[in-house]
Amino acid sequence: MKRNNAVKTIVLGLLTLSALGIGTQVSLAGPAPEVESGTLAAAIRASGQPCARVIEKEHQGGSVWLVRCNSGRFQVRLNDDATAEVVPLD
């Protein structure tokens, strides 16, 4: 009987902590947005930089991506108004 009470107490404690958000990890950002490599390459080319193809892309959070093209590395920020800010890193 004591074991059942102890288990109930632990479960209630965990539920309380969970309800309060203590000891839980919550991501408000959600998963990384899916952005096609072609979209990133087009944004880089539109900025006047060469990029025939994306070799690697890494989401940095928000709307920022690190992109490695055949011609170099770039930081690309995709804006809500369909524009992009491109910074050459090499």
N, C-alpha and C. Protein backbone atom coordinates (compact mmCIF):
# COMPACT_ATOMS: atom_id res chain seq x y z
N MET A 1 0.81 -1.19 0.00
CA MET A 1 0.00 0.00 0.00
C MET A 1 0.87 1.27 0.00
N LYS A 2 1.96 1.25 0.78
CA LYS A 2 2.84 2.40 0.84
C LYS A 2 3.48 2.66 -0.53
N ARG A 3 3.81 1.57 -1.25
CA ARG A 3 4.44 1.71 -2.57
C ARG A 3 3.48 2.40 -3.54
N ASN A 4 2.21 2.03 -3.52
CA ASN A 4 1.22 2.66 -4.39
C ASN A 4 1.08 4.14 -4.11
N ASN A 5 1.08 4.50 -2.83
CA ASN A 5 0.99 5.92 -2.46
C ASN A 5 2.22 6.69 -2.93
N ALA A 6 3.39 6.06 -2.81
CA ALA A 6 4.62 6.71 -3.25
C ALA A 6 4.61 6.93 -4.76
N VAL A 7 4.15 5.93 -5.50
CA VAL A 7 4.07 6.05 -6.96
C VAL A 7 3.09 7.15 -7.34
N LYS A 8 1.94 7.20 -6.67
CA LYS A 8 0.94 8.24 -6.94
C LYS A 8 1.53 9.62 -6.66
N THR A 9 2.27 9.74 -5.57
CA THR A 9 2.88 11.02 -5.22
C THR A 9 3.89 11.46 -6.27
N ILE A 10 4.70 10.54 -6.73
CA ILE A 10 5.70 10.86 -7.75
C ILE A 10 5.02 11.26 -9.06
N VAL A 11 4.02 10.51 -9.47
CA VAL A 11 3.31 10.81 -10.72
C VAL A 11 2.64 12.18 -10.62
N LEU A 12 1.97 12.45 -9.51
CA LEU A 12 1.32 13.75 -9.34
C LEU A 12 2.35 14.88 -9.35
N GLY A 13 3.50 14.64 -8.73
CA GLY A 13 4.56 15.65 -8.73
C GLY A 13 5.07 15.93 -10.13
N LEU A 14 5.29 14.87 -10.90
CA LEU A 14 5.76 15.05 -12.27
C LEU A 14 4.73 15.76 -13.13
N LEU A 15 3.45 15.40 -12.95
CA LEU A 15 2.40 16.07 -13.71
C LEU A 15 2.32 17.55 -13.35
N THR A 16 2.49 17.86 -12.08
CA THR A 16 2.48 19.26 -11.65
C THR A 16 3.64 20.03 -12.25
N LEU A 17 4.83 19.44 -12.20
CA LEU A 17 6.00 20.10 -12.79
C LEU A 17 5.81 20.29 -14.29
N SER A 18 5.27 19.30 -14.94
CA SER A 18 5.03 19.39 -16.38
C SER A 18 4.03 20.49 -16.69
N ALA A 19 2.97 20.58 -15.91
CA ALA A 19 1.95 21.60 -16.13
C ALA A 19 2.52 22.99 -15.93
N LEU A 20 3.46 23.12 -15.00
CA LEU A 20 4.09 24.41 -14.75
C LEU A 20 5.20 24.72 -15.74
N GLY A 21 5.57 23.74 -16.55
CA GLY A 21 6.64 23.95 -17.51
C GLY A 21 8.01 23.81 -16.92
N ILE A 22 8.10 23.24 -15.73
CA ILE A 22 9.39 23.07 -15.07
C ILE A 22 9.96 21.72 -15.47
N GLY A 23 11.19 21.73 -15.92
CA GLY A 23 11.84 20.47 -16.28
C GLY A 23 11.45 19.97 -17.66
N THR A 24 10.79 20.82 -18.43
CA THR A 24 10.44 20.42 -19.79
C THR A 24 11.13 21.35 -20.77
N GLN A 25 11.38 20.85 -21.95
CA GLN A 25 11.98 21.67 -22.99
C GLN A 25 10.90 21.96 -24.02
N VAL A 26 10.70 23.24 -24.29
CA VAL A 26 9.69 23.65 -25.25
C VAL A 26 10.36 24.53 -26.29
N SER A 27 10.17 24.19 -27.53
CA SER A 27 10.71 25.00 -28.61
C SER A 27 9.58 25.76 -29.25
N LEU A 28 9.61 27.08 -29.14
CA LEU A 28 8.59 27.90 -29.76
C LEU A 28 8.84 28.06 -31.25
N ALA A 29 10.08 27.87 -31.65
CA ALA A 29 10.42 28.05 -33.06
C ALA A 29 9.96 26.88 -33.90
N GLY A 30 9.85 25.72 -33.33
CA GLY A 30 9.46 24.54 -34.09
C GLY A 30 10.61 24.03 -34.91
N PRO A 31 10.35 23.10 -35.80
CA PRO A 31 11.42 22.54 -36.62
C PRO A 31 11.92 23.57 -37.64
N ALA A 32 13.12 23.33 -38.13
CA ALA A 32 13.68 24.24 -39.13
C ALA A 32 12.78 24.27 -40.36
N PRO A 33 12.56 25.47 -40.91
CA PRO A 33 11.73 25.54 -42.11
C PRO A 33 12.41 24.85 -43.28
N GLU A 34 11.62 24.27 -44.13
CA GLU A 34 12.17 23.58 -45.30
C GLU A 34 12.40 24.62 -46.40
N VAL A 35 13.63 24.80 -46.78
CA VAL A 35 13.97 25.73 -47.85
C VAL A 35 14.74 24.95 -48.90
N GLU A 36 14.28 25.03 -50.12
CA GLU A 36 14.93 24.31 -51.21
C GLU A 36 16.30 24.92 -51.51
N SER A 37 17.23 24.07 -51.88
CA SER A 37 18.57 24.54 -52.25
C SER A 37 18.51 25.51 -53.42
N GLY A 38 17.60 25.26 -54.35
CA GLY A 38 17.45 26.15 -55.51
C GLY A 38 17.03 27.56 -55.11
N THR A 39 16.21 27.66 -54.08
CA THR A 39 15.78 28.98 -53.58
C THR A 39 16.97 29.74 -53.01
N LEU A 40 17.81 29.04 -52.26
CA LEU A 40 19.00 29.67 -51.68
C LEU A 40 19.99 30.08 -52.77
N ALA A 41 20.19 29.20 -53.75
CA ALA A 41 21.10 29.52 -54.85
C ALA A 41 20.60 30.72 -55.64
N ALA A 42 19.29 30.78 -55.88
CA ALA A 42 18.71 31.91 -56.62
C ALA A 42 18.89 33.22 -55.84
N ALA A 43 18.73 33.16 -54.52
CA ALA A 43 18.91 34.35 -53.69
C ALA A 43 20.35 34.84 -53.76
N ILE A 44 21.30 33.91 -53.75
CA ILE A 44 22.72 34.27 -53.83
C ILE A 44 23.01 34.89 -55.20
N ARG A 45 22.51 34.28 -56.27
CA ARG A 45 22.73 34.83 -57.61
C ARG A 45 22.08 36.20 -57.77
N ALA A 46 20.89 36.39 -57.19
CA ALA A 46 20.20 37.68 -57.28
C ALA A 46 20.98 38.79 -56.61
N SER A 47 21.83 38.43 -55.65
CA SER A 47 22.65 39.44 -54.96
C SER A 47 23.91 39.79 -55.75
N GLY A 48 24.09 39.12 -56.90
CA GLY A 48 25.26 39.40 -57.74
C GLY A 48 26.42 38.45 -57.52
N GLN A 49 26.23 37.45 -56.68
CA GLN A 49 27.29 36.48 -56.40
C GLN A 49 27.05 35.21 -57.24
N PRO A 50 28.11 34.53 -57.66
CA PRO A 50 27.91 33.29 -58.41
C PRO A 50 27.56 32.13 -57.48
N CYS A 51 26.65 31.29 -57.94
CA CYS A 51 26.30 30.06 -57.21
C CYS A 51 25.55 29.15 -58.18
N ALA A 52 26.27 28.23 -58.79
CA ALA A 52 25.65 27.30 -59.74
C ALA A 52 24.85 26.23 -59.01
N ARG A 53 25.37 25.78 -57.84
CA ARG A 53 24.64 24.76 -57.09
C ARG A 53 25.05 24.82 -55.62
N VAL A 54 24.10 24.49 -54.77
CA VAL A 54 24.33 24.44 -53.32
C VAL A 54 24.91 23.07 -52.99
N ILE A 55 26.03 23.07 -52.29
CA ILE A 55 26.67 21.82 -51.87
C ILE A 55 26.19 21.43 -50.47
N GLU A 56 26.02 22.44 -49.61
CA GLU A 56 25.62 22.18 -48.22
C GLU A 56 24.86 23.39 -47.70
N LYS A 57 23.85 23.14 -46.87
CA LYS A 57 23.11 24.23 -46.23
C LYS A 57 22.88 23.87 -44.77
N GLU A 58 22.96 24.87 -43.91
CA GLU A 58 22.77 24.65 -42.47
C GLU A 58 21.90 25.75 -41.91
N HIS A 59 20.78 25.39 -41.31
CA HIS A 59 19.87 26.36 -40.73
C HIS A 59 20.48 26.92 -39.45
N GLN A 60 20.52 28.24 -39.34
CA GLN A 60 21.12 28.90 -38.18
C GLN A 60 20.08 29.43 -37.20
N GLY A 61 18.82 29.26 -37.52
CA GLY A 61 17.76 29.78 -36.67
C GLY A 61 17.02 30.90 -37.38
N GLY A 62 15.76 31.03 -37.07
CA GLY A 62 14.96 32.07 -37.73
C GLY A 62 14.95 31.85 -39.22
N SER A 63 15.34 32.86 -39.94
CA SER A 63 15.35 32.78 -41.40
C SER A 63 16.77 32.84 -41.96
N VAL A 64 17.75 32.47 -41.14
CA VAL A 64 19.16 32.56 -41.54
C VAL A 64 19.72 31.18 -41.86
N TRP A 65 20.42 31.10 -42.98
CA TRP A 65 21.05 29.86 -43.44
C TRP A 65 22.52 30.12 -43.75
N LEU A 66 23.38 29.15 -43.43
CA LEU A 66 24.75 29.15 -43.93
C LEU A 66 24.75 28.23 -45.13
N VAL A 67 25.24 28.74 -46.25
CA VAL A 67 25.17 28.00 -47.50
C VAL A 67 26.57 27.89 -48.10
N ARG A 68 26.92 26.67 -48.51
CA ARG A 68 28.19 26.46 -49.23
C ARG A 68 27.82 26.10 -50.67
N CYS A 69 28.23 26.97 -51.56
CA CYS A 69 28.02 26.76 -53.00
C CYS A 69 29.32 26.27 -53.61
N ASN A 70 29.25 25.94 -54.88
CA ASN A 70 30.46 25.57 -55.61
C ASN A 70 31.42 26.75 -55.68
N SER A 71 30.93 27.97 -55.46
CA SER A 71 31.78 29.16 -55.59
C SER A 71 32.17 29.79 -54.27
N GLY A 72 31.70 29.29 -53.14
CA GLY A 72 32.06 29.86 -51.85
C GLY A 72 30.98 29.66 -50.80
N ARG A 73 31.19 30.34 -49.64
CA ARG A 73 30.24 30.22 -48.53
C ARG A 73 29.53 31.56 -48.33
N PHE A 74 28.25 31.47 -47.95
CA PHE A 74 27.44 32.66 -47.78
C PHE A 74 26.50 32.51 -46.59
N GLN A 75 26.19 33.65 -45.98
CA GLN A 75 25.11 33.69 -45.00
C GLN A 75 23.92 34.31 -45.73
N VAL A 76 22.80 33.61 -45.68
CA VAL A 76 21.61 34.06 -46.40
C VAL A 76 20.47 34.23 -45.39
N ARG A 77 19.91 35.44 -45.38
CA ARG A 77 18.73 35.72 -44.55
C ARG A 77 17.56 35.93 -45.50
N LEU A 78 16.55 35.07 -45.39
CA LEU A 78 15.36 35.17 -46.23
C LEU A 78 14.33 36.03 -45.49
N ASN A 79 13.97 37.15 -46.10
CA ASN A 79 13.04 38.09 -45.47
C ASN A 79 11.60 37.75 -45.83
N ASP A 80 10.67 38.23 -45.01
CA ASP A 80 9.25 37.96 -45.23
C ASP A 80 8.73 38.58 -46.52
N ASP A 81 9.37 39.63 -47.00
CA ASP A 81 8.90 40.30 -48.21
C ASP A 81 9.50 39.70 -49.48
N ALA A 82 9.99 38.48 -49.40
CA ALA A 82 10.55 37.73 -50.54
C ALA A 82 11.89 38.28 -51.01
N THR A 83 12.53 39.11 -50.21
CA THR A 83 13.89 39.55 -50.52
C THR A 83 14.86 38.74 -49.67
N ALA A 84 16.14 38.87 -49.98
CA ALA A 84 17.16 38.14 -49.22
C ALA A 84 18.35 39.05 -48.99
N GLU A 85 19.00 38.84 -47.85
CA GLU A 85 20.27 39.50 -47.55
C GLU A 85 21.35 38.43 -47.63
N VAL A 86 22.35 38.69 -48.47
CA VAL A 86 23.40 37.69 -48.70
C VAL A 86 24.73 38.31 -48.31
N VAL A 87 25.48 37.60 -47.46
CA VAL A 87 26.79 38.06 -47.03
C VAL A 87 27.81 36.98 -47.41
N PRO A 88 28.78 37.33 -48.29
CA PRO A 88 29.84 36.37 -48.62
C PRO A 88 30.71 36.12 -47.39
N LEU A 89 31.07 34.87 -47.13
CA LEU A 89 31.89 34.53 -45.98
C LEU A 89 33.32 34.15 -46.37
N ASP A 90 33.57 33.95 -47.63
CA ASP A 90 34.93 33.63 -48.09
C ASP A 90 35.59 34.83 -48.72
